[in-house]
C-alpha atoms as a PDB file:
ATOM      1  CA  UNK A   1     -59.191 -22.658 -27.385  1.00  0.00           C
ATOM      2  CA  UNK A   2     -62.559 -20.435 -29.574  1.00  0.00           C
ATOM      3  CA  UNK A   3     -62.492 -20.754 -32.807  1.00  0.00           C
ATOM      4  CA  UNK A   4     -64.350 -18.083 -34.328  1.00  0.00           C
ATOM      5  CA  UNK A   5     -65.399 -18.773 -38.127  1.00  0.00           C
ATOM      6  CA  UNK A   6     -65.558 -14.722 -39.608  1.00  0.00           C
ATOM      7  CA  UNK A   7     -67.908 -16.055 -42.484  1.00  0.00           C
ATOM      8  CA  UNK A   8     -71.014 -17.656 -40.129  1.00  0.00           C
ATOM      9  CA  UNK A   9     -70.481 -14.038 -37.946  1.00  0.00           C
ATOM     10  CA  UNK A  10     -71.421 -11.534 -41.231  1.00  0.00           C
ATOM     11  CA  UNK A  11     -74.118 -14.523 -42.783  1.00  0.00           C
ATOM     12  CA  UNK A  12     -75.533 -13.999 -38.617  1.00  0.00           C
ATOM     13  CA  UNK A  13     -75.011 -10.774 -39.345  1.00  0.00           C
ATOM     14  CA  UNK A  14     -77.049 -10.587 -41.988  1.00  0.00           C
ATOM     15  CA  UNK A  15     -79.806 -13.160 -41.048  1.00  0.00           C
ATOM     16  CA  UNK A  16     -80.064 -10.349 -38.053  1.00  0.00           C
ATOM     17  CA  UNK A  17     -80.823  -7.748 -39.991  1.00  0.00           C
ATOM     18  CA  UNK A  18     -82.712  -8.506 -42.060  1.00  0.00           C
ATOM     19  CA  UNK A  19     -85.512 -10.098 -39.434  1.00  0.00           C
ATOM     20  CA  UNK A  20     -85.109  -6.048 -37.878  1.00  0.00           C
ATOM     21  CA  UNK A  21     -85.604  -4.558 -41.589  1.00  0.00           C
ATOM     22  CA  UNK A  22     -88.603  -6.534 -42.072  1.00  0.00           C
ATOM     23  CA  UNK A  23     -90.156  -5.985 -38.214  1.00  0.00           C
ATOM     24  CA  UNK A  24     -89.671  -2.527 -38.629  1.00  0.00           C
ATOM     25  CA  UNK A  25     -91.231  -2.450 -42.231  1.00  0.00           C
ATOM     26  CA  UNK A  26     -94.388  -3.799 -40.630  1.00  0.00           C
ATOM     27  CA  UNK A  27     -94.771  -1.616 -37.899  1.00  0.00           C
ATOM     28  CA  UNK A  28     -94.288   1.322 -40.521  1.00  0.00           C
ATOM     29  CA  UNK A  29     -97.040  -0.809 -42.408  1.00  0.00           C
ATOM     30  CA  UNK A  30    -100.176  -1.884 -39.198  1.00  0.00           C
ATOM     31  CA  UNK A  31    -102.426  -0.043 -38.762  1.00  0.00           C
ATOM     32  CA  UNK A  32    -104.482  -2.317 -36.731  1.00  0.00           C
ATOM     33  CA  UNK A  33    -103.163  -5.104 -35.414  1.00  0.00           C
ATOM     34  CA  UNK A  34    -100.381  -7.552 -33.877  1.00  0.00           C
ATOM     35  CA  UNK A  35     -96.838  -8.389 -34.431  1.00  0.00           C
ATOM     36  CA  UNK A  36     -95.793 -11.802 -33.236  1.00  0.00           C
ATOM     37  CA  UNK A  37     -92.561 -13.218 -32.578  1.00  0.00           C
ATOM     38  CA  UNK A  38     -91.462 -16.678 -32.174  1.00  0.00           C
ATOM     39  CA  UNK A  39     -88.351 -17.497 -30.324  1.00  0.00           C
ATOM     40  CA  UNK A  40     -86.773 -20.926 -29.913  1.00  0.00           C
ATOM     41  CA  UNK A  41     -83.878 -21.513 -28.471  1.00  0.00           C
ATOM     42  CA  UNK A  42     -82.648 -18.061 -28.316  1.00  0.00           C
ATOM     43  CA  UNK A  43     -83.095 -16.995 -31.501  1.00  0.00           C
ATOM     44  CA  UNK A  44     -85.642 -15.454 -34.109  1.00  0.00           C
ATOM     45  CA  UNK A  45     -87.210 -18.262 -35.883  1.00  0.00           C
ATOM     46  CA  UNK A  46     -90.433 -16.421 -36.831  1.00  0.00           C
ATOM     47  CA  UNK A  47     -92.381 -13.357 -37.792  1.00  0.00           C
ATOM     48  CA  UNK A  48     -95.741 -13.889 -38.271  1.00  0.00           C
ATOM     49  CA  UNK A  49     -97.925 -10.636 -38.556  1.00  0.00           C
ATOM     50  CA  UNK A  50    -101.540 -10.143 -38.149  1.00  0.00           C
ATOM     51  CA  UNK A  51    -103.478  -6.937 -39.621  1.00  0.00           C
ATOM     52  CA  UNK A  52    -107.144  -5.709 -38.625  1.00  0.00           C
ATOM     53  CA  UNK A  53    -109.365  -4.036 -40.550  1.00  0.00           C
ATOM     54  CA  UNK A  54    -111.436  -1.678 -39.243  1.00  0.00           C
ATOM     55  CA  UNK A  55    -114.300  -0.416 -40.717  1.00  0.00           C
ATOM     56  CA  UNK A  56    -116.208   3.197 -39.536  1.00  0.00           C
ATOM     57  CA  UNK A  57    -120.251   2.774 -40.082  1.00  0.00           C
END
């Protein structure tokens, strides 16, 4: 028998959607830099955004 938890699934979907929105927003703002995703056991647990500022001489 499979135990389906609709409330848990909705929460997971919300978290996933929030993470995707955060990443898309960071990509839109980033001109030079990197976005590093940390995954543990197949789940996204951390997003690091490193931005570099470049100055022309």
